[in-house]
Amino acid sequence: MNAQQMIEHLSAITQIANGNWNIDVFVTDEKSARRKPFLDSENELQMGFKAAYLSDGPAELKFNSIKEAIDDLHDQIQQFVIVFKKEKDRIVVHPFFGELNFEYWEKFQVKHFTHHFKQFDLL
């Protein structure tokens, strides 16, 4: 994954929370109950972690430049805040952690962004 692919990946996952990308996934309550406490911990996503729902190789680029990808990520983050402010009880299924509200999506996003920023030596 190159830098632009990483930015587009972060944007795509944020689109799930925004409701802009509907994924057909079901996470059992049992798995969610086992996985969700990780989001409350100080633990980080492990380097090399790869969710089973992701393709083996990096996705094709969606945008013509890294600037366009960054602009889109910025827009998706703004949309993330807006949709959860409008609907305070909003719950959206995360493909690994299951049903998450704003608080848990935000915790996931911090861990996910940190993971990739460290991967690219940005933190």
N, C-alpha and C. Protein backbone atom coordinates (compact mmCIF):
# COMPACT_ATOMS: atom_id res chain seq x y z
N MET A 1 0.85 -1.18 0.00
CA MET A 1 0.00 0.00 0.00
C MET A 1 0.89 1.24 0.00
N ASN A 2 0.62 2.14 -0.93
CA ASN A 2 1.38 3.39 -0.92
C ASN A 2 0.59 4.44 -0.13
N ALA A 3 1.15 5.64 0.00
CA ALA A 3 0.54 6.67 0.84
C ALA A 3 -0.87 7.03 0.37
N GLN A 4 -1.06 7.19 -0.93
CA GLN A 4 -2.39 7.55 -1.43
C GLN A 4 -3.38 6.41 -1.18
N GLN A 5 -2.96 5.18 -1.36
CA GLN A 5 -3.85 4.05 -1.10
C GLN A 5 -4.24 4.01 0.38
N MET A 6 -3.30 4.34 1.25
CA MET A 6 -3.59 4.36 2.68
C MET A 6 -4.63 5.44 2.99
N ILE A 7 -4.48 6.61 2.42
CA ILE A 7 -5.43 7.70 2.65
C ILE A 7 -6.81 7.31 2.12
N GLU A 8 -6.85 6.72 0.94
CA GLU A 8 -8.12 6.29 0.36
C GLU A 8 -8.75 5.17 1.19
N HIS A 9 -7.93 4.31 1.76
CA HIS A 9 -8.42 3.25 2.64
C HIS A 9 -9.06 3.85 3.89
N LEU A 10 -8.40 4.81 4.52
CA LEU A 10 -8.97 5.48 5.70
C LEU A 10 -10.30 6.14 5.35
N SER A 11 -10.33 6.76 4.19
CA SER A 11 -11.56 7.40 3.73
C SER A 11 -12.68 6.38 3.53
N ALA A 12 -12.35 5.26 2.92
CA ALA A 12 -13.36 4.22 2.65
C ALA A 12 -13.96 3.69 3.95
N ILE A 13 -13.13 3.45 4.94
CA ILE A 13 -13.64 2.94 6.22
C ILE A 13 -14.50 4.00 6.90
N THR A 14 -14.11 5.26 6.76
CA THR A 14 -14.91 6.34 7.33
C THR A 14 -16.27 6.43 6.63
N GLN A 15 -16.29 6.10 5.34
CA GLN A 15 -17.56 6.10 4.60
C GLN A 15 -18.53 5.07 5.16
N ILE A 16 -18.01 3.98 5.70
CA ILE A 16 -18.89 2.98 6.33
C ILE A 16 -19.63 3.63 7.49
N ALA A 17 -18.89 4.32 8.36
CA ALA A 17 -19.50 4.98 9.52
C ALA A 17 -20.50 6.05 9.09
N ASN A 18 -20.21 6.71 7.97
CA ASN A 18 -21.07 7.78 7.47
C ASN A 18 -22.34 7.26 6.82
N GLY A 19 -22.35 5.99 6.48
CA GLY A 19 -23.48 5.43 5.76
C GLY A 19 -23.37 5.62 4.26
N ASN A 20 -22.20 6.04 3.79
CA ASN A 20 -21.98 6.26 2.36
C ASN A 20 -21.50 5.00 1.65
N TRP A 21 -21.18 3.98 2.41
CA TRP A 21 -20.72 2.72 1.81
C TRP A 21 -21.37 1.60 2.61
N ASN A 22 -22.40 1.03 2.07
CA ASN A 22 -23.10 -0.05 2.76
C ASN A 22 -22.39 -1.36 2.47
N ILE A 23 -22.00 -2.02 3.53
CA ILE A 23 -21.33 -3.30 3.40
C ILE A 23 -22.25 -4.38 3.93
N ASP A 24 -22.20 -5.50 3.31
CA ASP A 24 -23.04 -6.62 3.72
C ASP A 24 -22.21 -7.49 4.66
N VAL A 25 -22.30 -7.18 5.94
CA VAL A 25 -21.51 -7.92 6.92
C VAL A 25 -22.34 -8.08 8.18
N PHE A 26 -22.09 -9.18 8.86
CA PHE A 26 -22.75 -9.45 10.13
C PHE A 26 -21.69 -9.92 11.10
N VAL A 27 -21.65 -9.29 12.25
CA VAL A 27 -20.73 -9.70 13.32
C VAL A 27 -21.60 -10.18 14.47
N THR A 28 -21.36 -11.40 14.90
CA THR A 28 -22.19 -11.95 15.98
C THR A 28 -22.01 -11.14 17.25
N ASP A 29 -23.02 -11.17 18.10
CA ASP A 29 -22.93 -10.47 19.39
C ASP A 29 -21.77 -11.01 20.21
N GLU A 30 -21.52 -12.32 20.09
CA GLU A 30 -20.42 -12.95 20.84
C GLU A 30 -19.07 -12.37 20.40
N LYS A 31 -18.85 -12.29 19.08
CA LYS A 31 -17.59 -11.74 18.59
C LYS A 31 -17.47 -10.26 18.94
N SER A 32 -18.54 -9.53 18.79
CA SER A 32 -18.52 -8.11 19.12
C SER A 32 -18.18 -7.90 20.60
N ALA A 33 -18.78 -8.70 21.46
CA ALA A 33 -18.52 -8.60 22.90
C ALA A 33 -17.07 -8.91 23.24
N ARG A 34 -16.46 -9.82 22.50
CA ARG A 34 -15.04 -10.16 22.72
C ARG A 34 -14.12 -9.07 22.18
N ARG A 35 -14.49 -8.47 21.06
CA ARG A 35 -13.60 -7.54 20.36
C ARG A 35 -13.72 -6.10 20.86
N LYS A 36 -14.92 -5.68 21.21
CA LYS A 36 -15.15 -4.27 21.54
C LYS A 36 -14.32 -3.75 22.72
N PRO A 37 -14.04 -4.54 23.76
CA PRO A 37 -13.22 -4.03 24.86
C PRO A 37 -11.84 -3.53 24.41
N PHE A 38 -11.34 -4.07 23.31
CA PHE A 38 -10.07 -3.59 22.75
C PHE A 38 -10.14 -2.09 22.46
N LEU A 39 -11.29 -1.62 22.03
CA LEU A 39 -11.44 -0.20 21.71
C LEU A 39 -11.36 0.68 22.95
N ASP A 40 -11.66 0.12 24.11
CA ASP A 40 -11.55 0.87 25.36
C ASP A 40 -10.14 0.82 25.95
N SER A 41 -9.29 0.02 25.37
CA SER A 41 -7.94 -0.15 25.91
C SER A 41 -6.97 0.86 25.28
N GLU A 42 -5.79 0.89 25.84
CA GLU A 42 -4.71 1.72 25.29
C GLU A 42 -3.94 0.97 24.20
N ASN A 43 -4.30 -0.27 23.96
CA ASN A 43 -3.60 -1.08 22.96
C ASN A 43 -3.81 -0.54 21.55
N GLU A 44 -2.80 -0.72 20.73
CA GLU A 44 -2.86 -0.28 19.35
C GLU A 44 -3.11 -1.48 18.44
N LEU A 45 -3.60 -1.20 17.23
CA LEU A 45 -3.70 -2.25 16.22
C LEU A 45 -2.29 -2.73 15.92
N GLN A 46 -2.12 -4.03 15.84
CA GLN A 46 -0.80 -4.60 15.59
C GLN A 46 -0.38 -4.34 14.15
N MET A 47 0.90 -4.05 13.97
CA MET A 47 1.43 -3.93 12.61
C MET A 47 1.27 -5.29 11.94
N GLY A 48 0.88 -5.29 10.71
CA GLY A 48 0.67 -6.53 9.99
C GLY A 48 -0.75 -7.07 10.12
N PHE A 49 -1.56 -6.46 11.01
CA PHE A 49 -2.95 -6.91 11.15
C PHE A 49 -3.68 -6.66 9.84
N LYS A 50 -4.42 -7.66 9.41
CA LYS A 50 -5.21 -7.53 8.18
C LYS A 50 -6.56 -8.15 8.43
N ALA A 51 -7.59 -7.34 8.32
CA ALA A 51 -8.95 -7.84 8.51
C ALA A 51 -9.31 -8.76 7.35
N ALA A 52 -10.03 -9.81 7.66
CA ALA A 52 -10.38 -10.82 6.66
C ALA A 52 -11.25 -10.26 5.54
N TYR A 53 -11.97 -9.19 5.81
CA TYR A 53 -12.87 -8.64 4.78
C TYR A 53 -12.14 -7.79 3.75
N LEU A 54 -10.86 -7.50 3.96
CA LEU A 54 -10.10 -6.69 3.00
C LEU A 54 -9.49 -7.58 1.93
N SER A 55 -9.32 -7.01 0.74
CA SER A 55 -8.71 -7.76 -0.35
C SER A 55 -7.23 -8.00 -0.05
N ASP A 56 -6.65 -8.98 -0.71
CA ASP A 56 -5.24 -9.31 -0.47
C ASP A 56 -4.30 -8.19 -0.90
N GLY A 57 -4.58 -7.59 -2.02
CA GLY A 57 -3.71 -6.52 -2.51
C GLY A 57 -4.34 -5.17 -2.28
N PRO A 58 -3.54 -4.12 -2.46
CA PRO A 58 -4.08 -2.77 -2.29
C PRO A 58 -5.13 -2.47 -3.37
N ALA A 59 -6.09 -1.66 -2.99
CA ALA A 59 -7.15 -1.28 -3.92
C ALA A 59 -6.61 -0.34 -4.99
N GLU A 60 -7.28 -0.35 -6.13
CA GLU A 60 -6.91 0.59 -7.18
C GLU A 60 -7.21 2.00 -6.70
N LEU A 61 -6.41 2.95 -7.17
CA LEU A 61 -6.60 4.33 -6.77
C LEU A 61 -7.92 4.87 -7.29
N LYS A 62 -8.59 5.61 -6.44
CA LYS A 62 -9.87 6.22 -6.79
C LYS A 62 -9.65 7.64 -7.32
N PHE A 63 -8.62 8.31 -6.81
CA PHE A 63 -8.37 9.71 -7.15
C PHE A 63 -7.10 9.86 -7.99
N ASN A 64 -7.02 10.98 -8.69
CA ASN A 64 -5.88 11.24 -9.58
C ASN A 64 -4.64 11.73 -8.86
N SER A 65 -4.80 12.19 -7.62
CA SER A 65 -3.64 12.71 -6.89
C SER A 65 -3.83 12.48 -5.39
N ILE A 66 -2.74 12.55 -4.68
CA ILE A 66 -2.79 12.40 -3.22
C ILE A 66 -3.55 13.57 -2.61
N LYS A 67 -3.44 14.76 -3.20
CA LYS A 67 -4.18 15.92 -2.70
C LYS A 67 -5.69 15.68 -2.78
N GLU A 68 -6.15 15.13 -3.89
CA GLU A 68 -7.58 14.81 -4.02
C GLU A 68 -8.00 13.79 -2.98
N ALA A 69 -7.15 12.80 -2.72
CA ALA A 69 -7.45 11.77 -1.72
C ALA A 69 -7.52 12.39 -0.32
N ILE A 70 -6.60 13.29 -0.01
CA ILE A 70 -6.60 13.96 1.29
C ILE A 70 -7.85 14.82 1.44
N ASP A 71 -8.21 15.54 0.38
CA ASP A 71 -9.42 16.36 0.42
C ASP A 71 -10.65 15.49 0.69
N ASP A 72 -10.71 14.33 0.04
CA ASP A 72 -11.84 13.43 0.25
C ASP A 72 -11.85 12.91 1.68
N LEU A 73 -10.69 12.54 2.21
CA LEU A 73 -10.63 12.06 3.59
C LEU A 73 -11.11 13.16 4.53
N HIS A 74 -10.67 14.37 4.30
CA HIS A 74 -11.11 15.50 5.12
C HIS A 74 -12.64 15.63 5.07
N ASP A 75 -13.20 15.55 3.87
CA ASP A 75 -14.66 15.63 3.70
C ASP A 75 -15.37 14.49 4.44
N GLN A 76 -14.81 13.29 4.34
CA GLN A 76 -15.42 12.13 5.01
C GLN A 76 -15.40 12.29 6.53
N ILE A 77 -14.31 12.83 7.05
CA ILE A 77 -14.21 13.05 8.51
C ILE A 77 -15.24 14.09 8.95
N GLN A 78 -15.39 15.16 8.18
CA GLN A 78 -16.40 16.16 8.50
C GLN A 78 -17.80 15.55 8.47
N GLN A 79 -18.05 14.74 7.46
CA GLN A 79 -19.35 14.07 7.33
C GLN A 79 -19.58 13.12 8.50
N PHE A 80 -18.54 12.44 8.93
CA PHE A 80 -18.59 11.54 10.08
C PHE A 80 -19.14 12.27 11.31
N VAL A 81 -18.59 13.44 11.59
CA VAL A 81 -19.03 14.22 12.74
C VAL A 81 -20.47 14.70 12.54
N ILE A 82 -20.78 15.18 11.36
CA ILE A 82 -22.11 15.72 11.07
C ILE A 82 -23.20 14.66 11.23
N VAL A 83 -23.00 13.48 10.64
CA VAL A 83 -24.08 12.47 10.68
C VAL A 83 -24.33 11.98 12.10
N PHE A 84 -23.28 11.90 12.91
CA PHE A 84 -23.50 11.45 14.28
C PHE A 84 -24.06 12.56 15.17
N LYS A 85 -23.78 13.82 14.83
CA LYS A 85 -24.39 14.93 15.58
C LYS A 85 -25.88 15.01 15.29
N LYS A 86 -26.24 14.76 14.03
CA LYS A 86 -27.66 14.81 13.64
C LYS A 86 -28.45 13.67 14.27
N GLU A 87 -27.82 12.52 14.38
CA GLU A 87 -28.50 11.33 14.89
C GLU A 87 -27.66 10.76 16.04
N LYS A 88 -27.88 11.30 17.22
CA LYS A 88 -27.04 10.98 18.39
C LYS A 88 -27.06 9.50 18.77
N ASP A 89 -28.14 8.79 18.48
CA ASP A 89 -28.24 7.37 18.83
C ASP A 89 -27.84 6.47 17.67
N ARG A 90 -27.24 7.03 16.66
CA ARG A 90 -26.86 6.29 15.45
C ARG A 90 -25.94 5.12 15.80
N ILE A 91 -26.23 3.97 15.23
CA ILE A 91 -25.40 2.76 15.38
C ILE A 91 -25.10 2.28 13.97
N VAL A 92 -23.83 2.03 13.69
CA VAL A 92 -23.42 1.53 12.38
C VAL A 92 -22.53 0.31 12.59
N VAL A 93 -22.78 -0.72 11.80
CA VAL A 93 -22.00 -1.95 11.93
C VAL A 93 -20.61 -1.76 11.34
N HIS A 94 -19.62 -2.01 12.18
CA HIS A 94 -18.23 -2.05 11.74
C HIS A 94 -17.96 -3.49 11.33
N PRO A 95 -17.25 -3.71 10.22
CA PRO A 95 -17.08 -5.08 9.72
C PRO A 95 -16.28 -6.02 10.62
N PHE A 96 -15.60 -5.51 11.63
CA PHE A 96 -14.83 -6.36 12.54
C PHE A 96 -15.39 -6.30 13.97
N PHE A 97 -15.76 -5.10 14.41
CA PHE A 97 -16.19 -4.90 15.80
C PHE A 97 -17.69 -4.98 16.01
N GLY A 98 -18.46 -4.99 14.94
CA GLY A 98 -19.91 -5.07 15.08
C GLY A 98 -20.53 -3.69 15.24
N GLU A 99 -21.66 -3.65 15.92
CA GLU A 99 -22.42 -2.41 16.06
C GLU A 99 -21.67 -1.43 16.95
N LEU A 100 -21.43 -0.23 16.39
CA LEU A 100 -20.72 0.82 17.12
C LEU A 100 -21.49 2.13 17.07
N ASN A 101 -21.49 2.83 18.19
CA ASN A 101 -22.04 4.18 18.22
C ASN A 101 -20.89 5.17 17.94
N PHE A 102 -21.17 6.47 18.03
CA PHE A 102 -20.15 7.47 17.72
C PHE A 102 -18.90 7.29 18.58
N GLU A 103 -19.10 7.12 19.87
CA GLU A 103 -17.96 6.99 20.80
C GLU A 103 -17.02 5.86 20.37
N TYR A 104 -17.59 4.72 20.02
CA TYR A 104 -16.76 3.58 19.64
C TYR A 104 -16.19 3.71 18.23
N TRP A 105 -16.94 4.32 17.33
CA TRP A 105 -16.37 4.58 16.00
C TRP A 105 -15.19 5.54 16.13
N GLU A 106 -15.33 6.54 16.99
CA GLU A 106 -14.24 7.50 17.19
C GLU A 106 -13.01 6.81 17.78
N LYS A 107 -13.22 5.93 18.74
CA LYS A 107 -12.10 5.18 19.32
C LYS A 107 -11.44 4.31 18.26
N PHE A 108 -12.26 3.66 17.44
CA PHE A 108 -11.69 2.85 16.36
C PHE A 108 -10.90 3.72 15.40
N GLN A 109 -11.47 4.85 15.01
CA GLN A 109 -10.79 5.73 14.04
C GLN A 109 -9.43 6.18 14.56
N VAL A 110 -9.34 6.53 15.82
CA VAL A 110 -8.05 6.94 16.40
C VAL A 110 -7.05 5.80 16.29
N LYS A 111 -7.45 4.61 16.65
CA LYS A 111 -6.55 3.46 16.56
C LYS A 111 -6.18 3.16 15.11
N HIS A 112 -7.15 3.24 14.21
CA HIS A 112 -6.92 2.92 12.81
C HIS A 112 -6.00 3.95 12.14
N PHE A 113 -6.28 5.22 12.36
CA PHE A 113 -5.43 6.27 11.79
C PHE A 113 -4.02 6.18 12.36
N THR A 114 -3.92 5.98 13.68
CA THR A 114 -2.61 5.86 14.32
C THR A 114 -1.82 4.70 13.72
N HIS A 115 -2.48 3.58 13.53
CA HIS A 115 -1.85 2.39 12.95
C HIS A 115 -1.22 2.73 11.59
N HIS A 116 -1.98 3.36 10.72
CA HIS A 116 -1.46 3.65 9.39
C HIS A 116 -0.47 4.82 9.39
N PHE A 117 -0.67 5.80 10.24
CA PHE A 117 0.29 6.89 10.32
C PHE A 117 1.65 6.39 10.81
N LYS A 118 1.65 5.46 11.75
CA LYS A 118 2.91 4.86 12.20
C LYS A 118 3.53 4.01 11.10
N GLN A 119 2.68 3.33 10.35
CA GLN A 119 3.15 2.49 9.24
C GLN A 119 3.95 3.34 8.24
N PHE A 120 3.55 4.60 8.09
CA PHE A 120 4.21 5.51 7.16
C PHE A 120 5.13 6.51 7.87
N ASP A 121 5.49 6.21 9.12
CA ASP A 121 6.38 7.05 9.92
C ASP A 121 5.90 8.50 10.00
N LEU A 122 4.60 8.67 10.13
CA LEU A 122 4.04 10.02 10.28
C LEU A 122 3.83 10.37 11.75
N LEU A 123 3.95 9.36 12.62
CA LEU A 123 3.86 9.57 14.08
C LEU A 123 5.07 8.96 14.75
